[in-house]
Amino acid sequence: MAVEIELKLTLPVRAIPRLRQYAPLREIPSRRQWVGNSYLDTPDMALWKERIGVRRRQIKRGADTDEPWLLTVKSQGIVTDGISRRSEWEFPMPPDRLDFSGVEDAAMREWLTRLAPQLRPVFCVNFVRQSWHLSGREVGLAASQAELALDFGYIRAGVEKAGREAFCEVELELLEGDEALLARWGERLCLELPELRPQAMSKAGRGYALLLR
């Protein structure tokens, strides 16, 4: 099990070029990926009611379409001072299988296994991600590292409702070290781009909001 610690910020699309031209980022190599996600739930929304997220994900890099699919399970997050923390389990899983044996929380594993036959896609979140590896050295935390990800894409909910919503956001995720790194880099970014705003809701939360609208 991993604990995901991250800071989310929304960004207007018009500000994307300014973020990419931000001096510290121009000096760091970035990578671009296409990320496709399908979120699952039961017909009576059992996962949503318990604030548990289950998704299938595939990441494509360039023309390579052979990347493995991943199954991800996330617990309900706790947000403090804009920084969210949640338990996360992620493992390779073909899209035609649902096996939760990799979830280390026994009660959650058994519950999800019982629900597995009922789980169906309820919304998708597809986006292009550009990411940079940030060192803490520039903000006085040399032993800490984070990833900055710029995500630009859309959420599509349901087949019958066919709701669709575009989004653009920045995620700062702690890779190792002191989580104060996220706040310090966040402050620097917000000074450079005042259009950045805190985003308390996860992509899954926004998907459910669109689905239930």
N, C-alpha and C. Protein backbone atom coordinates (compact mmCIF):
# COMPACT_ATOMS: atom_id res chain seq x y z
N MET A 1 0.84 -1.19 0.00
CA MET A 1 0.00 0.00 0.00
C MET A 1 0.87 1.24 0.00
N ALA A 2 0.46 2.24 -0.78
CA ALA A 2 1.12 3.54 -0.77
C ALA A 2 0.15 4.56 -0.20
N VAL A 3 0.70 5.63 0.35
CA VAL A 3 -0.11 6.76 0.77
C VAL A 3 0.16 7.88 -0.22
N GLU A 4 -0.88 8.28 -0.92
CA GLU A 4 -0.78 9.36 -1.90
C GLU A 4 -0.93 10.69 -1.18
N ILE A 5 0.07 11.54 -1.34
CA ILE A 5 0.04 12.87 -0.72
C ILE A 5 0.22 13.89 -1.84
N GLU A 6 -0.79 14.74 -2.03
CA GLU A 6 -0.72 15.65 -3.16
C GLU A 6 -1.47 16.95 -2.90
N LEU A 7 -1.11 17.93 -3.69
CA LEU A 7 -1.75 19.24 -3.69
C LEU A 7 -2.31 19.48 -5.08
N LYS A 8 -3.61 19.79 -5.17
CA LYS A 8 -4.26 20.00 -6.46
C LYS A 8 -4.60 21.48 -6.63
N LEU A 9 -4.40 21.96 -7.86
CA LEU A 9 -4.71 23.34 -8.21
C LEU A 9 -5.37 23.37 -9.58
N THR A 10 -6.39 24.20 -9.75
CA THR A 10 -6.98 24.38 -11.08
C THR A 10 -6.23 25.48 -11.81
N LEU A 11 -6.23 25.38 -13.14
CA LEU A 11 -5.50 26.33 -13.98
C LEU A 11 -6.33 26.62 -15.23
N PRO A 12 -6.58 27.89 -15.56
CA PRO A 12 -7.26 28.19 -16.82
C PRO A 12 -6.42 27.73 -18.00
N VAL A 13 -7.09 27.25 -19.04
CA VAL A 13 -6.37 26.76 -20.22
C VAL A 13 -5.45 27.83 -20.80
N ARG A 14 -5.90 29.08 -20.75
CA ARG A 14 -5.09 30.16 -21.34
C ARG A 14 -3.75 30.33 -20.66
N ALA A 15 -3.62 29.82 -19.40
CA ALA A 15 -2.38 30.00 -18.64
C ALA A 15 -1.39 28.85 -18.84
N ILE A 16 -1.76 27.82 -19.60
CA ILE A 16 -0.86 26.68 -19.81
C ILE A 16 0.49 27.11 -20.38
N PRO A 17 0.53 27.96 -21.45
CA PRO A 17 1.85 28.36 -21.98
C PRO A 17 2.72 29.05 -20.93
N ARG A 18 2.11 29.84 -20.05
CA ARG A 18 2.90 30.53 -19.02
C ARG A 18 3.47 29.53 -18.02
N LEU A 19 2.72 28.50 -17.69
CA LEU A 19 3.25 27.47 -16.79
C LEU A 19 4.45 26.78 -17.43
N ARG A 20 4.30 26.42 -18.69
CA ARG A 20 5.39 25.72 -19.38
C ARG A 20 6.64 26.58 -19.52
N GLN A 21 6.45 27.90 -19.55
CA GLN A 21 7.59 28.81 -19.69
C GLN A 21 8.14 29.27 -18.34
N TYR A 22 7.56 28.80 -17.25
CA TYR A 22 8.06 29.16 -15.92
C TYR A 22 9.51 28.72 -15.82
N ALA A 23 10.39 29.63 -15.44
CA ALA A 23 11.84 29.42 -15.54
C ALA A 23 12.32 28.10 -14.94
N PRO A 24 11.96 27.73 -13.70
CA PRO A 24 12.46 26.47 -13.16
C PRO A 24 12.05 25.25 -13.98
N LEU A 25 10.87 25.31 -14.62
CA LEU A 25 10.42 24.16 -15.41
C LEU A 25 11.12 24.07 -16.76
N ARG A 26 11.50 25.22 -17.32
CA ARG A 26 12.20 25.20 -18.62
C ARG A 26 13.52 24.47 -18.52
N GLU A 27 14.10 24.42 -17.33
CA GLU A 27 15.42 23.79 -17.15
C GLU A 27 15.31 22.31 -16.82
N ILE A 28 14.08 21.78 -16.71
CA ILE A 28 13.88 20.37 -16.32
C ILE A 28 13.24 19.63 -17.49
N PRO A 29 13.76 18.46 -17.88
CA PRO A 29 13.08 17.69 -18.93
C PRO A 29 11.68 17.28 -18.46
N SER A 30 10.73 17.29 -19.38
CA SER A 30 9.38 16.84 -19.07
C SER A 30 9.03 15.66 -19.95
N ARG A 31 7.96 14.97 -19.58
CA ARG A 31 7.46 13.88 -20.42
C ARG A 31 5.96 14.06 -20.60
N ARG A 32 5.46 13.60 -21.74
CA ARG A 32 4.03 13.70 -22.02
C ARG A 32 3.45 12.30 -22.20
N GLN A 33 2.27 12.13 -21.66
CA GLN A 33 1.58 10.84 -21.73
C GLN A 33 0.09 11.08 -21.98
N TRP A 34 -0.55 10.12 -22.64
CA TRP A 34 -2.00 10.10 -22.71
C TRP A 34 -2.48 9.12 -21.65
N VAL A 35 -3.42 9.55 -20.81
CA VAL A 35 -3.89 8.75 -19.69
C VAL A 35 -5.39 8.53 -19.84
N GLY A 36 -5.79 7.27 -19.96
CA GLY A 36 -7.21 6.93 -20.04
C GLY A 36 -7.66 6.20 -18.79
N ASN A 37 -8.76 6.65 -18.20
CA ASN A 37 -9.27 6.07 -16.96
C ASN A 37 -10.75 5.74 -17.09
N SER A 38 -11.12 4.58 -16.60
CA SER A 38 -12.53 4.20 -16.50
C SER A 38 -12.81 3.89 -15.03
N TYR A 39 -13.74 4.64 -14.43
CA TYR A 39 -14.09 4.44 -13.02
C TYR A 39 -15.28 3.50 -12.91
N LEU A 40 -15.23 2.62 -11.94
CA LEU A 40 -16.24 1.57 -11.78
C LEU A 40 -17.08 1.81 -10.54
N ASP A 41 -18.33 1.33 -10.59
CA ASP A 41 -19.19 1.33 -9.42
C ASP A 41 -20.33 0.36 -9.66
N THR A 42 -21.12 0.12 -8.64
CA THR A 42 -22.28 -0.76 -8.75
C THR A 42 -23.50 0.07 -9.18
N PRO A 43 -24.57 -0.58 -9.61
CA PRO A 43 -25.78 0.17 -10.00
C PRO A 43 -26.33 1.06 -8.89
N ASP A 44 -26.15 0.66 -7.62
CA ASP A 44 -26.65 1.49 -6.52
C ASP A 44 -25.56 2.37 -5.91
N MET A 45 -24.43 2.52 -6.63
CA MET A 45 -23.36 3.45 -6.25
C MET A 45 -22.74 3.13 -4.89
N ALA A 46 -22.48 1.86 -4.63
CA ALA A 46 -21.93 1.44 -3.34
C ALA A 46 -20.57 2.06 -3.07
N LEU A 47 -19.71 2.16 -4.08
CA LEU A 47 -18.38 2.73 -3.87
C LEU A 47 -18.48 4.21 -3.56
N TRP A 48 -19.31 4.93 -4.29
CA TRP A 48 -19.48 6.36 -4.07
C TRP A 48 -19.96 6.62 -2.64
N LYS A 49 -20.87 5.80 -2.15
CA LYS A 49 -21.41 6.00 -0.80
C LYS A 49 -20.33 5.83 0.26
N GLU A 50 -19.35 4.97 0.00
CA GLU A 50 -18.26 4.74 0.96
C GLU A 50 -17.02 5.57 0.65
N ARG A 51 -17.11 6.42 -0.36
CA ARG A 51 -15.98 7.27 -0.78
C ARG A 51 -14.74 6.45 -1.14
N ILE A 52 -14.99 5.32 -1.82
CA ILE A 52 -13.91 4.48 -2.32
C ILE A 52 -13.86 4.61 -3.84
N GLY A 53 -12.68 4.74 -4.40
CA GLY A 53 -12.53 4.86 -5.84
C GLY A 53 -11.88 3.61 -6.42
N VAL A 54 -12.44 3.10 -7.51
CA VAL A 54 -11.85 1.97 -8.25
C VAL A 54 -11.80 2.38 -9.71
N ARG A 55 -10.62 2.30 -10.31
CA ARG A 55 -10.49 2.69 -11.71
C ARG A 55 -9.60 1.72 -12.46
N ARG A 56 -9.83 1.64 -13.75
CA ARG A 56 -8.92 0.99 -14.69
C ARG A 56 -8.20 2.10 -15.44
N ARG A 57 -6.89 1.95 -15.59
CA ARG A 57 -6.09 3.01 -16.24
C ARG A 57 -5.15 2.40 -17.26
N GLN A 58 -5.01 3.11 -18.38
CA GLN A 58 -3.96 2.79 -19.34
C GLN A 58 -3.22 4.08 -19.69
N ILE A 59 -1.90 3.99 -19.70
CA ILE A 59 -1.05 5.13 -20.03
C ILE A 59 -0.35 4.82 -21.35
N LYS A 60 -0.42 5.78 -22.27
CA LYS A 60 0.24 5.61 -23.56
C LYS A 60 1.32 6.68 -23.71
N ARG A 61 2.47 6.24 -24.14
CA ARG A 61 3.59 7.15 -24.36
C ARG A 61 3.92 7.14 -25.85
N GLY A 62 3.65 8.24 -26.51
CA GLY A 62 3.92 8.31 -27.93
C GLY A 62 3.07 7.32 -28.71
N ALA A 63 3.70 6.64 -29.66
CA ALA A 63 2.97 5.70 -30.51
C ALA A 63 2.86 4.31 -29.89
N ASP A 64 3.46 4.13 -28.72
CA ASP A 64 3.44 2.81 -28.07
C ASP A 64 2.07 2.57 -27.46
N THR A 65 1.36 1.56 -27.94
CA THR A 65 0.02 1.26 -27.42
C THR A 65 0.00 -0.03 -26.61
N ASP A 66 1.17 -0.53 -26.24
CA ASP A 66 1.24 -1.81 -25.54
C ASP A 66 1.46 -1.66 -24.03
N GLU A 67 1.20 -0.47 -23.49
CA GLU A 67 1.37 -0.28 -22.06
C GLU A 67 0.34 -1.13 -21.30
N PRO A 68 0.73 -1.72 -20.18
CA PRO A 68 -0.22 -2.56 -19.42
C PRO A 68 -1.31 -1.71 -18.77
N TRP A 69 -2.48 -2.31 -18.60
CA TRP A 69 -3.56 -1.69 -17.86
C TRP A 69 -3.27 -1.83 -16.37
N LEU A 70 -3.73 -0.84 -15.60
CA LEU A 70 -3.56 -0.85 -14.15
C LEU A 70 -4.93 -0.79 -13.49
N LEU A 71 -5.05 -1.49 -12.37
CA LEU A 71 -6.24 -1.39 -11.53
C LEU A 71 -5.83 -0.63 -10.27
N THR A 72 -6.59 0.39 -9.94
CA THR A 72 -6.27 1.24 -8.79
C THR A 72 -7.45 1.30 -7.83
N VAL A 73 -7.14 1.20 -6.56
CA VAL A 73 -8.14 1.36 -5.50
C VAL A 73 -7.65 2.48 -4.58
N LYS A 74 -8.54 3.45 -4.32
CA LYS A 74 -8.19 4.56 -3.44
C LYS A 74 -9.22 4.67 -2.32
N SER A 75 -8.71 4.93 -1.12
CA SER A 75 -9.60 5.13 0.03
C SER A 75 -10.08 6.58 0.06
N GLN A 76 -10.99 6.86 0.96
CA GLN A 76 -11.45 8.23 1.14
C GLN A 76 -10.28 9.11 1.57
N GLY A 77 -10.16 10.28 0.95
CA GLY A 77 -9.05 11.15 1.26
C GLY A 77 -9.34 12.08 2.43
N ILE A 78 -8.28 12.52 3.08
CA ILE A 78 -8.35 13.52 4.15
C ILE A 78 -7.59 14.74 3.66
N VAL A 79 -8.22 15.91 3.68
CA VAL A 79 -7.59 17.13 3.17
C VAL A 79 -7.29 18.05 4.34
N THR A 80 -6.01 18.46 4.45
CA THR A 80 -5.59 19.40 5.49
C THR A 80 -4.74 20.47 4.85
N ASP A 81 -5.14 21.73 5.00
CA ASP A 81 -4.41 22.85 4.41
C ASP A 81 -4.20 22.66 2.91
N GLY A 82 -5.20 22.11 2.24
CA GLY A 82 -5.13 21.93 0.80
C GLY A 82 -4.40 20.69 0.34
N ILE A 83 -3.75 19.97 1.25
CA ILE A 83 -2.99 18.77 0.89
C ILE A 83 -3.81 17.54 1.24
N SER A 84 -4.04 16.68 0.26
CA SER A 84 -4.85 15.49 0.48
C SER A 84 -3.96 14.27 0.71
N ARG A 85 -4.46 13.36 1.54
CA ARG A 85 -3.76 12.11 1.84
C ARG A 85 -4.77 10.98 1.74
N ARG A 86 -4.40 9.92 1.03
CA ARG A 86 -5.29 8.77 0.93
C ARG A 86 -4.45 7.51 0.68
N SER A 87 -4.99 6.39 1.11
CA SER A 87 -4.35 5.10 0.82
C SER A 87 -4.64 4.72 -0.62
N GLU A 88 -3.65 4.09 -1.25
CA GLU A 88 -3.78 3.73 -2.66
C GLU A 88 -3.11 2.38 -2.92
N TRP A 89 -3.81 1.54 -3.67
CA TRP A 89 -3.24 0.28 -4.13
C TRP A 89 -3.35 0.26 -5.66
N GLU A 90 -2.26 -0.07 -6.32
CA GLU A 90 -2.27 -0.08 -7.79
C GLU A 90 -1.42 -1.25 -8.28
N PHE A 91 -1.98 -2.01 -9.24
CA PHE A 91 -1.27 -3.18 -9.75
C PHE A 91 -1.72 -3.47 -11.17
N PRO A 92 -0.86 -4.11 -11.98
CA PRO A 92 -1.24 -4.46 -13.35
C PRO A 92 -2.45 -5.39 -13.35
N MET A 93 -3.38 -5.12 -14.28
CA MET A 93 -4.60 -5.93 -14.34
C MET A 93 -5.22 -5.77 -15.73
N PRO A 94 -5.37 -6.86 -16.48
CA PRO A 94 -6.03 -6.75 -17.79
C PRO A 94 -7.44 -6.20 -17.64
N PRO A 95 -7.95 -5.49 -18.65
CA PRO A 95 -9.26 -4.85 -18.52
C PRO A 95 -10.43 -5.83 -18.45
N ASP A 96 -10.18 -7.11 -18.72
CA ASP A 96 -11.26 -8.09 -18.64
C ASP A 96 -11.25 -8.86 -17.31
N ARG A 97 -10.43 -8.40 -16.34
CA ARG A 97 -10.37 -9.06 -15.04
C ARG A 97 -10.57 -8.05 -13.92
N LEU A 98 -11.11 -8.53 -12.79
CA LEU A 98 -11.21 -7.73 -11.57
C LEU A 98 -10.77 -8.60 -10.41
N ASP A 99 -9.55 -8.43 -9.98
CA ASP A 99 -8.99 -9.23 -8.90
C ASP A 99 -8.44 -8.27 -7.86
N PHE A 100 -9.01 -8.28 -6.67
CA PHE A 100 -8.61 -7.34 -5.63
C PHE A 100 -7.68 -7.96 -4.59
N SER A 101 -7.05 -9.06 -4.94
CA SER A 101 -6.18 -9.74 -3.97
C SER A 101 -4.97 -8.89 -3.58
N GLY A 102 -4.62 -7.90 -4.39
CA GLY A 102 -3.49 -7.04 -4.06
C GLY A 102 -3.81 -5.96 -3.05
N VAL A 103 -5.07 -5.82 -2.65
CA VAL A 103 -5.45 -4.82 -1.65
C VAL A 103 -5.12 -5.38 -0.27
N GLU A 104 -4.25 -4.69 0.46
CA GLU A 104 -3.74 -5.23 1.72
C GLU A 104 -4.72 -5.08 2.89
N ASP A 105 -5.66 -4.15 2.78
CA ASP A 105 -6.68 -3.98 3.82
C ASP A 105 -7.68 -5.13 3.66
N ALA A 106 -7.67 -6.06 4.61
CA ALA A 106 -8.47 -7.29 4.47
C ALA A 106 -9.96 -7.01 4.35
N ALA A 107 -10.47 -6.10 5.18
CA ALA A 107 -11.91 -5.82 5.14
C ALA A 107 -12.30 -5.20 3.80
N MET A 108 -11.48 -4.26 3.30
CA MET A 108 -11.79 -3.66 2.01
C MET A 108 -11.67 -4.68 0.88
N ARG A 109 -10.63 -5.51 0.95
CA ARG A 109 -10.43 -6.53 -0.09
C ARG A 109 -11.63 -7.46 -0.18
N GLU A 110 -12.12 -7.93 0.96
CA GLU A 110 -13.26 -8.85 0.95
C GLU A 110 -14.52 -8.16 0.45
N TRP A 111 -14.72 -6.91 0.85
CA TRP A 111 -15.89 -6.15 0.41
C TRP A 111 -15.88 -5.93 -1.10
N LEU A 112 -14.72 -5.52 -1.64
CA LEU A 112 -14.61 -5.29 -3.07
C LEU A 112 -14.77 -6.58 -3.86
N THR A 113 -14.24 -7.66 -3.33
CA THR A 113 -14.38 -8.96 -4.01
C THR A 113 -15.85 -9.37 -4.11
N ARG A 114 -16.61 -9.11 -3.05
CA ARG A 114 -18.05 -9.42 -3.09
C ARG A 114 -18.77 -8.55 -4.12
N LEU A 115 -18.33 -7.30 -4.25
CA LEU A 115 -18.99 -6.38 -5.17
C LEU A 115 -18.55 -6.57 -6.62
N ALA A 116 -17.42 -7.21 -6.84
CA ALA A 116 -16.82 -7.27 -8.18
C ALA A 116 -17.80 -7.66 -9.29
N PRO A 117 -18.67 -8.66 -9.12
CA PRO A 117 -19.58 -9.02 -10.21
C PRO A 117 -20.53 -7.90 -10.61
N GLN A 118 -20.75 -6.93 -9.72
CA GLN A 118 -21.69 -5.84 -10.01
C GLN A 118 -21.01 -4.60 -10.58
N LEU A 119 -19.68 -4.54 -10.54
CA LEU A 119 -18.98 -3.32 -10.92
C LEU A 119 -19.03 -3.11 -12.43
N ARG A 120 -19.37 -1.88 -12.83
CA ARG A 120 -19.47 -1.49 -14.23
C ARG A 120 -18.88 -0.10 -14.40
N PRO A 121 -18.41 0.25 -15.60
CA PRO A 121 -17.94 1.63 -15.82
C PRO A 121 -19.08 2.63 -15.64
N VAL A 122 -18.79 3.73 -14.93
CA VAL A 122 -19.81 4.76 -14.72
C VAL A 122 -19.39 6.11 -15.31
N PHE A 123 -18.10 6.37 -15.38
CA PHE A 123 -17.61 7.56 -16.08
C PHE A 123 -16.14 7.36 -16.42
N CYS A 124 -15.66 8.15 -17.37
CA CYS A 124 -14.25 8.07 -17.75
C CYS A 124 -13.60 9.44 -17.60
N VAL A 125 -12.31 9.41 -17.34
CA VAL A 125 -11.52 10.63 -17.21
C VAL A 125 -10.29 10.44 -18.09
N ASN A 126 -10.24 11.14 -19.20
CA ASN A 126 -9.14 11.00 -20.16
C ASN A 126 -8.43 12.33 -20.31
N PHE A 127 -7.10 12.28 -20.31
CA PHE A 127 -6.36 13.54 -20.37
C PHE A 127 -4.94 13.31 -20.88
N VAL A 128 -4.34 14.42 -21.29
CA VAL A 128 -2.92 14.45 -21.61
C VAL A 128 -2.19 15.00 -20.40
N ARG A 129 -1.15 14.31 -20.00
CA ARG A 129 -0.36 14.72 -18.83
C ARG A 129 1.05 15.09 -19.26
N GLN A 130 1.46 16.28 -18.85
CA GLN A 130 2.86 16.67 -18.98
C GLN A 130 3.41 16.79 -17.57
N SER A 131 4.54 16.14 -17.30
CA SER A 131 5.02 16.10 -15.91
C SER A 131 6.51 16.44 -15.83
N TRP A 132 6.86 17.02 -14.68
CA TRP A 132 8.23 17.41 -14.38
C TRP A 132 8.62 16.84 -13.01
N HIS A 133 9.87 16.46 -12.85
CA HIS A 133 10.39 15.97 -11.57
C HIS A 133 11.01 17.16 -10.84
N LEU A 134 10.47 17.49 -9.67
CA LEU A 134 10.93 18.65 -8.91
C LEU A 134 11.81 18.24 -7.74
N SER A 135 12.93 18.90 -7.60
CA SER A 135 13.79 18.70 -6.44
C SER A 135 13.41 19.69 -5.36
N GLY A 136 13.64 19.30 -4.12
CA GLY A 136 13.38 20.21 -3.02
C GLY A 136 14.52 21.17 -2.77
N ARG A 137 15.60 21.01 -3.52
CA ARG A 137 16.79 21.83 -3.27
C ARG A 137 16.48 23.31 -3.41
N GLU A 138 15.67 23.67 -4.41
CA GLU A 138 15.39 25.08 -4.65
C GLU A 138 14.53 25.72 -3.57
N VAL A 139 13.87 24.91 -2.77
CA VAL A 139 12.99 25.47 -1.73
C VAL A 139 13.44 25.05 -0.33
N GLY A 140 14.71 24.67 -0.21
CA GLY A 140 15.28 24.40 1.11
C GLY A 140 14.99 23.03 1.69
N LEU A 141 14.58 22.08 0.84
CA LEU A 141 14.30 20.71 1.31
C LEU A 141 15.00 19.73 0.38
N ALA A 142 16.32 19.71 0.45
CA ALA A 142 17.12 18.98 -0.53
C ALA A 142 16.83 17.49 -0.57
N ALA A 143 16.38 16.92 0.55
CA ALA A 143 16.16 15.47 0.59
C ALA A 143 14.77 15.08 0.08
N SER A 144 13.98 16.04 -0.36
CA SER A 144 12.61 15.77 -0.77
C SER A 144 12.45 15.92 -2.28
N GLN A 145 11.49 15.18 -2.84
CA GLN A 145 11.23 15.24 -4.28
C GLN A 145 9.72 15.14 -4.53
N ALA A 146 9.30 15.77 -5.61
CA ALA A 146 7.89 15.75 -5.97
C ALA A 146 7.75 15.69 -7.48
N GLU A 147 6.56 15.34 -7.93
CA GLU A 147 6.22 15.41 -9.35
C GLU A 147 5.19 16.51 -9.54
N LEU A 148 5.43 17.35 -10.53
CA LEU A 148 4.43 18.32 -10.94
C LEU A 148 3.80 17.81 -12.22
N ALA A 149 2.49 17.66 -12.24
CA ALA A 149 1.79 17.15 -13.41
C ALA A 149 0.75 18.17 -13.87
N LEU A 150 0.79 18.50 -15.14
CA LEU A 150 -0.22 19.33 -15.79
C LEU A 150 -1.16 18.40 -16.54
N ASP A 151 -2.41 18.36 -16.13
CA ASP A 151 -3.41 17.46 -16.74
C ASP A 151 -4.47 18.30 -17.44
N PHE A 152 -4.70 17.99 -18.73
CA PHE A 152 -5.68 18.71 -19.52
C PHE A 152 -6.51 17.70 -20.30
N GLY A 153 -7.81 17.65 -20.02
CA GLY A 153 -8.63 16.66 -20.70
C GLY A 153 -10.10 16.84 -20.39
N TYR A 154 -10.82 15.72 -20.31
CA TYR A 154 -12.26 15.80 -20.08
C TYR A 154 -12.75 14.63 -19.26
N ILE A 155 -13.90 14.84 -18.63
CA ILE A 155 -14.61 13.81 -17.90
C ILE A 155 -15.90 13.53 -18.67
N ARG A 156 -16.19 12.28 -18.92
CA ARG A 156 -17.45 11.91 -19.58
C ARG A 156 -18.19 10.93 -18.69
N ALA A 157 -19.43 11.26 -18.36
CA ALA A 157 -20.19 10.47 -17.39
C ALA A 157 -21.32 9.72 -18.08
N GLY A 158 -21.37 8.41 -17.83
CA GLY A 158 -22.50 7.60 -18.25
C GLY A 158 -22.66 7.44 -19.74
N VAL A 159 -23.51 6.51 -20.12
CA VAL A 159 -23.85 6.29 -21.51
C VAL A 159 -25.16 6.98 -21.83
N GLU A 160 -26.10 6.91 -20.88
CA GLU A 160 -27.42 7.49 -21.12
C GLU A 160 -27.38 9.02 -21.04
N LYS A 161 -26.71 9.55 -20.00
CA LYS A 161 -26.67 11.00 -19.84
C LYS A 161 -25.65 11.64 -20.77
N ALA A 162 -24.57 10.94 -21.02
CA ALA A 162 -23.52 11.43 -21.92
C ALA A 162 -23.06 12.84 -21.56
N GLY A 163 -22.93 13.12 -20.25
CA GLY A 163 -22.42 14.41 -19.82
C GLY A 163 -20.92 14.49 -20.06
N ARG A 164 -20.44 15.67 -20.36
CA ARG A 164 -19.01 15.85 -20.63
C ARG A 164 -18.56 17.19 -20.07
N GLU A 165 -17.37 17.17 -19.46
CA GLU A 165 -16.85 18.39 -18.83
C GLU A 165 -15.34 18.43 -19.01
N ALA A 166 -14.84 19.54 -19.51
CA ALA A 166 -13.40 19.72 -19.67
C ALA A 166 -12.77 20.16 -18.35
N PHE A 167 -11.50 19.86 -18.17
CA PHE A 167 -10.80 20.32 -16.97
C PHE A 167 -9.33 20.55 -17.29
N CYS A 168 -8.72 21.39 -16.49
CA CYS A 168 -7.28 21.64 -16.57
C CYS A 168 -6.80 21.86 -15.15
N GLU A 169 -5.84 21.06 -14.72
CA GLU A 169 -5.37 21.18 -13.34
C GLU A 169 -3.90 20.85 -13.22
N VAL A 170 -3.35 21.28 -12.11
CA VAL A 170 -1.96 20.99 -11.76
C VAL A 170 -1.95 20.16 -10.49
N GLU A 171 -1.20 19.07 -10.50
CA GLU A 171 -1.04 18.23 -9.31
C GLU A 171 0.42 18.26 -8.88
N LEU A 172 0.63 18.48 -7.61
CA LEU A 172 1.95 18.32 -7.00
C LEU A 172 1.88 17.11 -6.09
N GLU A 173 2.60 16.05 -6.44
CA GLU A 173 2.55 14.82 -5.65
C GLU A 173 3.91 14.54 -5.02
N LEU A 174 3.90 14.27 -3.73
CA LEU A 174 5.14 13.98 -3.02
C LEU A 174 5.66 12.61 -3.43
N LEU A 175 6.92 12.55 -3.84
CA LEU A 175 7.57 11.28 -4.17
C LEU A 175 8.35 10.74 -2.97
N GLU A 176 9.03 11.63 -2.27
CA GLU A 176 9.73 11.23 -1.05
C GLU A 176 10.09 12.47 -0.25
N GLY A 177 10.22 12.28 1.07
CA GLY A 177 10.68 13.37 1.92
C GLY A 177 9.56 14.11 2.63
N ASP A 178 9.77 15.38 2.86
CA ASP A 178 8.91 16.23 3.68
C ASP A 178 7.75 16.77 2.84
N GLU A 179 6.51 16.57 3.30
CA GLU A 179 5.36 17.04 2.53
C GLU A 179 5.28 18.56 2.49
N ALA A 180 6.04 19.27 3.33
CA ALA A 180 6.10 20.73 3.24
C ALA A 180 6.59 21.17 1.86
N LEU A 181 7.26 20.28 1.16
CA LEU A 181 7.73 20.58 -0.20
C LEU A 181 6.57 20.98 -1.10
N LEU A 182 5.41 20.34 -0.94
CA LEU A 182 4.27 20.64 -1.80
C LEU A 182 3.78 22.06 -1.58
N ALA A 183 3.69 22.46 -0.32
CA ALA A 183 3.23 23.82 -0.01
C ALA A 183 4.22 24.86 -0.53
N ARG A 184 5.51 24.58 -0.40
CA ARG A 184 6.50 25.57 -0.84
C ARG A 184 6.50 25.73 -2.34
N TRP A 185 6.45 24.61 -3.07
CA TRP A 185 6.38 24.72 -4.53
C TRP A 185 5.04 25.31 -4.94
N GLY A 186 3.98 24.97 -4.24
CA GLY A 186 2.68 25.54 -4.56
C GLY A 186 2.67 27.05 -4.41
N GLU A 187 3.29 27.55 -3.35
CA GLU A 187 3.36 29.00 -3.15
C GLU A 187 4.13 29.67 -4.27
N ARG A 188 5.23 29.07 -4.69
CA ARG A 188 6.03 29.65 -5.78
C ARG A 188 5.24 29.69 -7.07
N LEU A 189 4.54 28.61 -7.35
CA LEU A 189 3.75 28.56 -8.58
C LEU A 189 2.62 29.59 -8.56
N CYS A 190 1.96 29.74 -7.42
CA CYS A 190 0.85 30.69 -7.32
C CYS A 190 1.34 32.14 -7.43
N LEU A 191 2.55 32.41 -7.00
CA LEU A 191 3.10 33.75 -7.17
C LEU A 191 3.37 34.03 -8.65
N GLU A 192 3.81 33.01 -9.36
CA GLU A 192 4.10 33.16 -10.79
C GLU A 192 2.82 33.20 -11.62
N LEU A 193 1.83 32.38 -11.23
CA LEU A 193 0.57 32.28 -11.95
C LEU A 193 -0.58 32.51 -10.97
N PRO A 194 -0.98 33.76 -10.76
CA PRO A 194 -2.06 34.04 -9.79
C PRO A 194 -3.39 33.38 -10.16
N GLU A 195 -3.53 32.90 -11.41
CA GLU A 195 -4.78 32.24 -11.82
C GLU A 195 -4.95 30.87 -11.17
N LEU A 196 -3.88 30.31 -10.65
CA LEU A 196 -3.99 29.01 -9.98
C LEU A 196 -4.88 29.11 -8.75
N ARG A 197 -5.76 28.12 -8.59
CA ARG A 197 -6.66 28.10 -7.45
C ARG A 197 -6.67 26.71 -6.82
N PRO A 198 -6.82 26.62 -5.49
CA PRO A 198 -6.90 25.29 -4.85
C PRO A 198 -8.08 24.49 -5.41
N GLN A 199 -7.87 23.20 -5.56
CA GLN A 199 -8.92 22.29 -6.02
C GLN A 199 -9.05 21.17 -5.00
N ALA A 200 -10.09 21.23 -4.20
CA ALA A 200 -10.27 20.24 -3.14
C ALA A 200 -10.84 18.93 -3.67
N MET A 201 -11.54 18.98 -4.81
CA MET A 201 -12.21 17.79 -5.32
C MET A 201 -11.30 17.01 -6.26
N SER A 202 -11.25 15.70 -6.08
CA SER A 202 -10.45 14.84 -6.95
C SER A 202 -11.13 14.69 -8.31
N LYS A 203 -10.42 14.10 -9.27
CA LYS A 203 -11.03 13.82 -10.56
C LYS A 203 -12.21 12.86 -10.40
N ALA A 204 -12.06 11.88 -9.50
CA ALA A 204 -13.17 10.96 -9.26
C ALA A 204 -14.37 11.70 -8.69
N GLY A 205 -14.12 12.61 -7.74
CA GLY A 205 -15.20 13.38 -7.15
C GLY A 205 -15.93 14.21 -8.19
N ARG A 206 -15.18 14.78 -9.12
CA ARG A 206 -15.80 15.58 -10.17
C ARG A 206 -16.56 14.71 -11.16
N GLY A 207 -16.05 13.50 -11.37
CA GLY A 207 -16.78 12.57 -12.23
C GLY A 207 -18.12 12.18 -11.65
N TYR A 208 -18.14 11.90 -10.35
CA TYR A 208 -19.40 11.56 -9.69
C TYR A 208 -20.35 12.77 -9.69
N ALA A 209 -19.81 13.97 -9.48
CA ALA A 209 -20.65 15.16 -9.49
C ALA A 209 -21.32 15.33 -10.84
N LEU A 210 -20.58 15.06 -11.91
CA LEU A 210 -21.15 15.16 -13.26
C LEU A 210 -22.18 14.06 -13.48
N LEU A 211 -21.88 12.86 -13.02
CA LEU A 211 -22.79 11.73 -13.19
C LEU A 211 -24.11 11.97 -12.49
N LEU A 212 -24.06 12.56 -11.30
CA LEU A 212 -25.26 12.72 -10.48
C LEU A 212 -25.97 14.05 -10.71
N ARG A 213 -25.47 14.86 -11.61
CA ARG A 213 -26.04 16.19 -11.86
C ARG A 213 -27.48 16.07 -12.37
